[in-house]
Amino acid sequence: MFARTVPGVADDPGMGPEDIVTTASRHAAVPPGAHPRTGRPTLGMGRRAIRIGARDRLRSELRAIAIDLLGPFASDELPSDVSAWIDGATESAVASVCDASLSGLIDALESRRAVAPAAVVQRLDDAAARHDAGIV
């Protein structure tokens, strides 16, 4: 997770990309908008993850996958203690992997973008600029 690599920041498993950007921006050793681990610009992916609600979307998908993995059942067919256990186990499991998964995805995309052909990067930048300006 990004936050673990920012000096002086407590290891908080509840931190998401939005916290990471804010924490990194306030940290003197890491310039605002820079990747906390490398100090290089984030290429906007951390900020874009916040804008598109990536963390909430990922949490939602991970919850759905976790429920499917636990087994096929209707929520009203289980006793309340079993439903409560499923809710707690699912939330705990999702919380333990969500932020690390999103951070890993951002890292992987940034790494690939860093070595992408200039024409590809330019097209991505142009498309993002058009989208941000409301020209879709």
N, C-alpha and C. Protein backbone atom coordinates (compact mmCIF):
# COMPACT_ATOMS: atom_id res chain seq x y z
N MET A 1 0.85 -1.17 0.00
CA MET A 1 0.00 0.00 0.00
C MET A 1 0.89 1.22 0.00
N PHE A 2 0.49 2.28 -0.69
CA PHE A 2 1.30 3.48 -0.79
C PHE A 2 1.67 4.06 0.57
N ALA A 3 0.70 4.12 1.49
CA ALA A 3 0.91 4.82 2.75
C ALA A 3 2.07 4.23 3.55
N ARG A 4 2.34 2.96 3.40
CA ARG A 4 3.42 2.35 4.16
C ARG A 4 4.79 2.87 3.76
N THR A 5 4.90 3.44 2.58
CA THR A 5 6.19 3.89 2.11
C THR A 5 6.41 5.38 2.33
N VAL A 6 5.43 6.09 2.85
CA VAL A 6 5.60 7.50 3.14
C VAL A 6 6.18 7.62 4.54
N PRO A 7 7.42 8.14 4.68
CA PRO A 7 8.04 8.24 6.00
C PRO A 7 7.17 9.03 6.96
N GLY A 8 7.04 8.52 8.17
CA GLY A 8 6.32 9.21 9.21
C GLY A 8 4.82 8.99 9.20
N VAL A 9 4.31 8.23 8.27
CA VAL A 9 2.88 7.96 8.21
C VAL A 9 2.62 6.60 8.83
N ALA A 10 1.70 6.58 9.78
CA ALA A 10 1.38 5.32 10.45
C ALA A 10 0.84 4.31 9.46
N ASP A 11 1.10 3.05 9.70
CA ASP A 11 0.60 1.98 8.85
C ASP A 11 -0.87 1.79 9.18
N ASP A 12 -1.74 2.34 8.35
CA ASP A 12 -3.17 2.32 8.58
C ASP A 12 -3.84 1.53 7.47
N PRO A 13 -4.29 0.29 7.75
CA PRO A 13 -4.89 -0.52 6.70
C PRO A 13 -6.18 0.08 6.15
N GLY A 14 -6.75 1.07 6.82
CA GLY A 14 -7.97 1.69 6.34
C GLY A 14 -7.74 2.82 5.36
N MET A 15 -6.49 3.13 5.08
CA MET A 15 -6.21 4.23 4.16
C MET A 15 -6.46 3.81 2.72
N GLY A 16 -7.09 4.68 1.98
CA GLY A 16 -7.32 4.44 0.56
C GLY A 16 -6.59 5.45 -0.27
N PRO A 17 -6.75 5.41 -1.59
CA PRO A 17 -6.04 6.33 -2.47
C PRO A 17 -6.31 7.79 -2.14
N GLU A 18 -7.58 8.11 -1.72
CA GLU A 18 -7.88 9.49 -1.40
C GLU A 18 -7.07 9.96 -0.18
N ASP A 19 -6.87 9.09 0.80
CA ASP A 19 -6.06 9.42 1.96
C ASP A 19 -4.60 9.52 1.58
N ILE A 20 -4.17 8.66 0.70
CA ILE A 20 -2.78 8.62 0.28
C ILE A 20 -2.39 9.91 -0.41
N VAL A 21 -3.23 10.38 -1.32
CA VAL A 21 -2.94 11.63 -2.03
C VAL A 21 -2.87 12.78 -1.04
N THR A 22 -3.83 12.85 -0.11
CA THR A 22 -3.84 13.92 0.87
C THR A 22 -2.63 13.84 1.78
N THR A 23 -2.32 12.64 2.29
CA THR A 23 -1.19 12.47 3.18
C THR A 23 0.11 12.78 2.46
N ALA A 24 0.26 12.29 1.25
CA ALA A 24 1.49 12.55 0.50
C ALA A 24 1.65 14.03 0.21
N SER A 25 0.55 14.71 -0.07
CA SER A 25 0.63 16.13 -0.39
C SER A 25 1.07 16.94 0.82
N ARG A 26 0.72 16.49 2.01
CA ARG A 26 1.11 17.22 3.21
C ARG A 26 2.50 16.86 3.68
N HIS A 27 3.05 15.78 3.20
CA HIS A 27 4.35 15.32 3.68
C HIS A 27 5.47 16.08 2.97
N ALA A 28 6.38 16.69 3.72
CA ALA A 28 7.41 17.56 3.15
C ALA A 28 8.33 16.85 2.18
N ALA A 29 8.63 15.56 2.40
CA ALA A 29 9.58 14.85 1.56
C ALA A 29 8.99 14.44 0.22
N VAL A 30 7.69 14.46 0.09
CA VAL A 30 7.04 14.02 -1.13
C VAL A 30 6.27 15.21 -1.71
N PRO A 31 6.66 15.70 -2.89
CA PRO A 31 5.96 16.84 -3.48
C PRO A 31 4.49 16.53 -3.75
N PRO A 32 3.62 17.55 -3.67
CA PRO A 32 2.21 17.31 -3.97
C PRO A 32 2.05 16.72 -5.37
N GLY A 33 1.16 15.74 -5.49
CA GLY A 33 0.91 15.09 -6.77
C GLY A 33 1.94 14.05 -7.14
N ALA A 34 2.91 13.77 -6.23
CA ALA A 34 3.95 12.79 -6.53
C ALA A 34 3.58 11.44 -5.94
N HIS A 35 4.10 10.40 -6.55
CA HIS A 35 3.92 9.03 -6.06
C HIS A 35 4.71 8.94 -4.76
N PRO A 36 4.09 8.52 -3.65
CA PRO A 36 4.78 8.48 -2.36
C PRO A 36 6.03 7.61 -2.35
N ARG A 37 6.07 6.56 -3.15
CA ARG A 37 7.21 5.66 -3.14
C ARG A 37 8.37 6.19 -3.98
N THR A 38 8.06 6.76 -5.14
CA THR A 38 9.12 7.16 -6.06
C THR A 38 9.40 8.64 -6.04
N GLY A 39 8.45 9.46 -5.59
CA GLY A 39 8.62 10.90 -5.63
C GLY A 39 8.34 11.50 -7.00
N ARG A 40 8.07 10.65 -8.00
CA ARG A 40 7.76 11.12 -9.35
C ARG A 40 6.28 11.44 -9.46
N PRO A 41 5.89 12.25 -10.46
CA PRO A 41 4.46 12.55 -10.64
C PRO A 41 3.65 11.27 -10.78
N THR A 42 2.43 11.29 -10.24
CA THR A 42 1.58 10.10 -10.26
C THR A 42 0.92 9.88 -11.60
N LEU A 43 1.12 10.77 -12.53
CA LEU A 43 0.46 10.70 -13.83
C LEU A 43 -1.05 10.83 -13.68
N GLY A 44 -1.47 11.32 -12.52
CA GLY A 44 -2.88 11.59 -12.30
C GLY A 44 -3.72 10.38 -11.94
N MET A 45 -3.13 9.18 -11.91
CA MET A 45 -3.95 8.00 -11.67
C MET A 45 -4.51 7.96 -10.26
N GLY A 46 -3.74 8.40 -9.28
CA GLY A 46 -4.25 8.44 -7.91
C GLY A 46 -5.42 9.41 -7.79
N ARG A 47 -5.26 10.57 -8.40
CA ARG A 47 -6.35 11.56 -8.39
C ARG A 47 -7.53 11.06 -9.22
N ARG A 48 -7.25 10.44 -10.35
CA ARG A 48 -8.33 9.91 -11.19
C ARG A 48 -9.08 8.80 -10.44
N ALA A 49 -8.36 7.97 -9.70
CA ALA A 49 -9.01 6.91 -8.92
C ALA A 49 -10.02 7.50 -7.95
N ILE A 50 -9.68 8.66 -7.39
CA ILE A 50 -10.60 9.32 -6.47
C ILE A 50 -11.81 9.83 -7.23
N ARG A 51 -11.57 10.50 -8.37
CA ARG A 51 -12.66 11.08 -9.16
C ARG A 51 -13.64 10.02 -9.65
N ILE A 52 -13.15 8.88 -10.04
CA ILE A 52 -14.05 7.85 -10.60
C ILE A 52 -14.62 6.93 -9.53
N GLY A 53 -14.27 7.17 -8.27
CA GLY A 53 -14.80 6.33 -7.19
C GLY A 53 -14.27 4.91 -7.24
N ALA A 54 -13.01 4.76 -7.64
CA ALA A 54 -12.44 3.42 -7.83
C ALA A 54 -12.49 2.57 -6.56
N ARG A 55 -12.19 3.17 -5.43
CA ARG A 55 -12.16 2.39 -4.19
C ARG A 55 -13.54 1.83 -3.86
N ASP A 56 -14.58 2.67 -3.93
CA ASP A 56 -15.93 2.19 -3.63
C ASP A 56 -16.39 1.15 -4.64
N ARG A 57 -16.05 1.36 -5.91
CA ARG A 57 -16.42 0.39 -6.94
C ARG A 57 -15.72 -0.95 -6.71
N LEU A 58 -14.44 -0.89 -6.38
CA LEU A 58 -13.69 -2.12 -6.12
C LEU A 58 -14.24 -2.84 -4.90
N ARG A 59 -14.51 -2.09 -3.82
CA ARG A 59 -15.08 -2.70 -2.61
C ARG A 59 -16.39 -3.41 -2.93
N SER A 60 -17.22 -2.78 -3.72
CA SER A 60 -18.51 -3.36 -4.09
C SER A 60 -18.33 -4.66 -4.87
N GLU A 61 -17.45 -4.63 -5.85
CA GLU A 61 -17.19 -5.84 -6.64
C GLU A 61 -16.58 -6.94 -5.78
N LEU A 62 -15.64 -6.58 -4.92
CA LEU A 62 -15.02 -7.59 -4.06
C LEU A 62 -16.04 -8.20 -3.10
N ARG A 63 -16.95 -7.38 -2.58
CA ARG A 63 -18.02 -7.93 -1.71
C ARG A 63 -18.86 -8.94 -2.48
N ALA A 64 -19.25 -8.58 -3.69
CA ALA A 64 -20.08 -9.49 -4.50
C ALA A 64 -19.34 -10.79 -4.79
N ILE A 65 -18.07 -10.69 -5.13
CA ILE A 65 -17.28 -11.90 -5.39
C ILE A 65 -17.15 -12.74 -4.13
N ALA A 66 -16.92 -12.09 -2.99
CA ALA A 66 -16.79 -12.82 -1.72
C ALA A 66 -18.06 -13.59 -1.40
N ILE A 67 -19.20 -12.94 -1.58
CA ILE A 67 -20.48 -13.61 -1.32
C ILE A 67 -20.64 -14.81 -2.26
N ASP A 68 -20.30 -14.63 -3.53
CA ASP A 68 -20.39 -15.74 -4.49
C ASP A 68 -19.46 -16.88 -4.10
N LEU A 69 -18.28 -16.54 -3.61
CA LEU A 69 -17.32 -17.57 -3.22
C LEU A 69 -17.77 -18.35 -1.99
N LEU A 70 -18.47 -17.68 -1.08
CA LEU A 70 -18.94 -18.36 0.13
C LEU A 70 -20.04 -19.36 -0.18
N GLY A 71 -20.77 -19.15 -1.22
CA GLY A 71 -21.78 -20.14 -1.61
C GLY A 71 -23.07 -19.49 -2.05
N PRO A 72 -23.83 -20.24 -2.82
CA PRO A 72 -25.12 -19.72 -3.29
C PRO A 72 -26.18 -19.82 -2.19
N PHE A 73 -26.73 -18.70 -1.82
CA PHE A 73 -27.79 -18.69 -0.82
C PHE A 73 -28.54 -17.37 -0.94
N ALA A 74 -29.79 -17.39 -0.56
CA ALA A 74 -30.59 -16.17 -0.48
C ALA A 74 -30.42 -15.60 0.92
N SER A 75 -30.30 -14.30 1.01
CA SER A 75 -30.04 -13.69 2.32
C SER A 75 -31.13 -13.99 3.34
N ASP A 76 -32.36 -14.21 2.90
CA ASP A 76 -33.45 -14.47 3.84
C ASP A 76 -33.56 -15.94 4.24
N GLU A 77 -32.76 -16.82 3.65
CA GLU A 77 -32.86 -18.24 3.99
C GLU A 77 -31.94 -18.65 5.13
N LEU A 78 -31.07 -17.75 5.56
CA LEU A 78 -30.10 -18.07 6.61
C LEU A 78 -30.50 -17.46 7.94
N PRO A 79 -30.19 -18.16 9.03
CA PRO A 79 -30.44 -17.59 10.36
C PRO A 79 -29.63 -16.29 10.54
N SER A 80 -30.11 -15.42 11.39
CA SER A 80 -29.48 -14.11 11.56
C SER A 80 -28.03 -14.21 12.03
N ASP A 81 -27.69 -15.21 12.85
CA ASP A 81 -26.30 -15.33 13.31
C ASP A 81 -25.37 -15.73 12.16
N VAL A 82 -25.86 -16.54 11.24
CA VAL A 82 -25.06 -16.93 10.07
C VAL A 82 -24.91 -15.74 9.13
N SER A 83 -25.99 -15.01 8.91
CA SER A 83 -25.92 -13.81 8.07
C SER A 83 -24.96 -12.79 8.66
N ALA A 84 -25.00 -12.64 9.98
CA ALA A 84 -24.10 -11.69 10.63
C ALA A 84 -22.65 -12.12 10.46
N TRP A 85 -22.39 -13.42 10.59
CA TRP A 85 -21.01 -13.91 10.40
C TRP A 85 -20.57 -13.65 8.95
N ILE A 86 -21.43 -13.94 8.00
CA ILE A 86 -21.09 -13.72 6.59
C ILE A 86 -20.79 -12.25 6.33
N ASP A 87 -21.62 -11.37 6.86
CA ASP A 87 -21.39 -9.93 6.69
C ASP A 87 -20.05 -9.51 7.27
N GLY A 88 -19.77 -9.97 8.49
CA GLY A 88 -18.51 -9.61 9.14
C GLY A 88 -17.29 -10.19 8.43
N ALA A 89 -17.39 -11.46 8.05
CA ALA A 89 -16.26 -12.10 7.37
C ALA A 89 -16.01 -11.46 6.01
N THR A 90 -17.09 -11.17 5.30
CA THR A 90 -16.96 -10.54 3.98
C THR A 90 -16.33 -9.17 4.11
N GLU A 91 -16.84 -8.36 5.01
CA GLU A 91 -16.31 -7.00 5.18
C GLU A 91 -14.85 -7.03 5.61
N SER A 92 -14.51 -7.92 6.50
CA SER A 92 -13.12 -8.04 6.96
C SER A 92 -12.19 -8.47 5.83
N ALA A 93 -12.62 -9.44 5.06
CA ALA A 93 -11.80 -9.93 3.95
C ALA A 93 -11.63 -8.85 2.89
N VAL A 94 -12.71 -8.17 2.55
CA VAL A 94 -12.64 -7.11 1.54
C VAL A 94 -11.74 -5.98 2.03
N ALA A 95 -11.90 -5.58 3.27
CA ALA A 95 -11.07 -4.50 3.82
C ALA A 95 -9.59 -4.86 3.80
N SER A 96 -9.29 -6.14 3.97
CA SER A 96 -7.89 -6.55 4.03
C SER A 96 -7.21 -6.57 2.67
N VAL A 97 -7.97 -6.60 1.58
CA VAL A 97 -7.36 -6.66 0.25
C VAL A 97 -7.67 -5.48 -0.66
N CYS A 98 -8.69 -4.72 -0.38
CA CYS A 98 -9.15 -3.69 -1.30
C CYS A 98 -8.08 -2.63 -1.57
N ASP A 99 -7.57 -2.00 -0.54
CA ASP A 99 -6.62 -0.91 -0.74
C ASP A 99 -5.32 -1.39 -1.38
N ALA A 100 -4.85 -2.55 -0.94
CA ALA A 100 -3.63 -3.10 -1.54
C ALA A 100 -3.86 -3.45 -3.02
N SER A 101 -5.05 -3.95 -3.34
CA SER A 101 -5.36 -4.29 -4.73
C SER A 101 -5.41 -3.03 -5.60
N LEU A 102 -6.05 -1.99 -5.11
CA LEU A 102 -6.14 -0.75 -5.88
C LEU A 102 -4.76 -0.11 -6.03
N SER A 103 -3.99 -0.10 -4.98
CA SER A 103 -2.63 0.44 -5.05
C SER A 103 -1.78 -0.35 -6.04
N GLY A 104 -1.91 -1.67 -6.00
CA GLY A 104 -1.17 -2.52 -6.93
C GLY A 104 -1.58 -2.27 -8.37
N LEU A 105 -2.87 -2.08 -8.59
CA LEU A 105 -3.36 -1.80 -9.94
C LEU A 105 -2.81 -0.47 -10.44
N ILE A 106 -2.85 0.55 -9.59
CA ILE A 106 -2.32 1.86 -9.98
C ILE A 106 -0.83 1.76 -10.26
N ASP A 107 -0.08 1.06 -9.40
CA ASP A 107 1.36 0.87 -9.63
C ASP A 107 1.61 0.18 -10.97
N ALA A 108 0.86 -0.88 -11.25
CA ALA A 108 1.06 -1.64 -12.49
C ALA A 108 0.75 -0.78 -13.71
N LEU A 109 -0.33 -0.02 -13.65
CA LEU A 109 -0.67 0.84 -14.77
C LEU A 109 0.35 1.96 -14.97
N GLU A 110 0.80 2.56 -13.86
CA GLU A 110 1.81 3.61 -13.97
C GLU A 110 3.11 3.07 -14.54
N SER A 111 3.50 1.87 -14.14
CA SER A 111 4.72 1.25 -14.67
C SER A 111 4.61 1.01 -16.17
N ARG A 112 3.46 0.52 -16.59
CA ARG A 112 3.29 0.25 -18.01
C ARG A 112 3.19 1.54 -18.82
N ARG A 113 2.54 2.53 -18.25
CA ARG A 113 2.44 3.82 -18.94
C ARG A 113 3.81 4.49 -19.07
N ALA A 114 4.65 4.30 -18.08
CA ALA A 114 5.99 4.91 -18.10
C ALA A 114 6.83 4.40 -19.26
N VAL A 115 6.55 3.20 -19.75
CA VAL A 115 7.33 2.64 -20.87
C VAL A 115 6.50 2.53 -22.15
N ALA A 116 5.32 3.12 -22.14
CA ALA A 116 4.46 3.08 -23.33
C ALA A 116 5.03 3.99 -24.41
N PRO A 117 4.73 3.68 -25.66
CA PRO A 117 5.14 4.57 -26.75
C PRO A 117 4.56 5.97 -26.54
N ALA A 118 5.32 6.97 -26.93
CA ALA A 118 4.91 8.37 -26.75
C ALA A 118 3.54 8.65 -27.37
N ALA A 119 3.27 8.04 -28.52
CA ALA A 119 1.98 8.26 -29.19
C ALA A 119 0.82 7.74 -28.35
N VAL A 120 1.02 6.63 -27.68
CA VAL A 120 -0.03 6.07 -26.82
C VAL A 120 -0.27 7.00 -25.64
N VAL A 121 0.79 7.45 -25.01
CA VAL A 121 0.67 8.35 -23.86
C VAL A 121 -0.03 9.64 -24.29
N GLN A 122 0.35 10.17 -25.45
CA GLN A 122 -0.28 11.40 -25.94
C GLN A 122 -1.76 11.21 -26.17
N ARG A 123 -2.15 10.08 -26.76
CA ARG A 123 -3.57 9.80 -26.99
C ARG A 123 -4.33 9.70 -25.66
N LEU A 124 -3.73 9.03 -24.68
CA LEU A 124 -4.36 8.92 -23.37
C LEU A 124 -4.51 10.29 -22.72
N ASP A 125 -3.46 11.11 -22.79
CA ASP A 125 -3.51 12.45 -22.21
C ASP A 125 -4.57 13.30 -22.90
N ASP A 126 -4.62 13.23 -24.24
CA ASP A 126 -5.61 13.99 -24.99
C ASP A 126 -7.03 13.57 -24.61
N ALA A 127 -7.26 12.27 -24.52
CA ALA A 127 -8.59 11.77 -24.17
C ALA A 127 -8.97 12.21 -22.76
N ALA A 128 -8.03 12.15 -21.82
CA ALA A 128 -8.30 12.58 -20.44
C ALA A 128 -8.61 14.07 -20.40
N ALA A 129 -7.86 14.87 -21.16
CA ALA A 129 -8.09 16.32 -21.18
C ALA A 129 -9.48 16.63 -21.75
N ARG A 130 -9.86 15.94 -22.82
CA ARG A 130 -11.19 16.15 -23.39
C ARG A 130 -12.27 15.76 -22.38
N HIS A 131 -12.08 14.65 -21.74
CA HIS A 131 -13.06 14.18 -20.74
C HIS A 131 -13.17 15.17 -19.59
N ASP A 132 -12.03 15.61 -19.08
CA ASP A 132 -12.02 16.55 -17.95
C ASP A 132 -12.65 17.88 -18.32
N ALA A 133 -12.54 18.27 -19.59
CA ALA A 133 -13.14 19.52 -20.07
C ALA A 133 -14.62 19.35 -20.41
N GLY A 134 -15.12 18.13 -20.31
CA GLY A 134 -16.53 17.87 -20.61
C GLY A 134 -16.81 17.63 -22.08
N ILE A 135 -15.75 17.45 -22.86
CA ILE A 135 -15.91 17.17 -24.28
C ILE A 135 -15.76 15.67 -24.47
N VAL A 136 -16.87 14.97 -24.56
CA VAL A 136 -16.80 13.52 -24.65
C VAL A 136 -17.31 13.05 -25.98
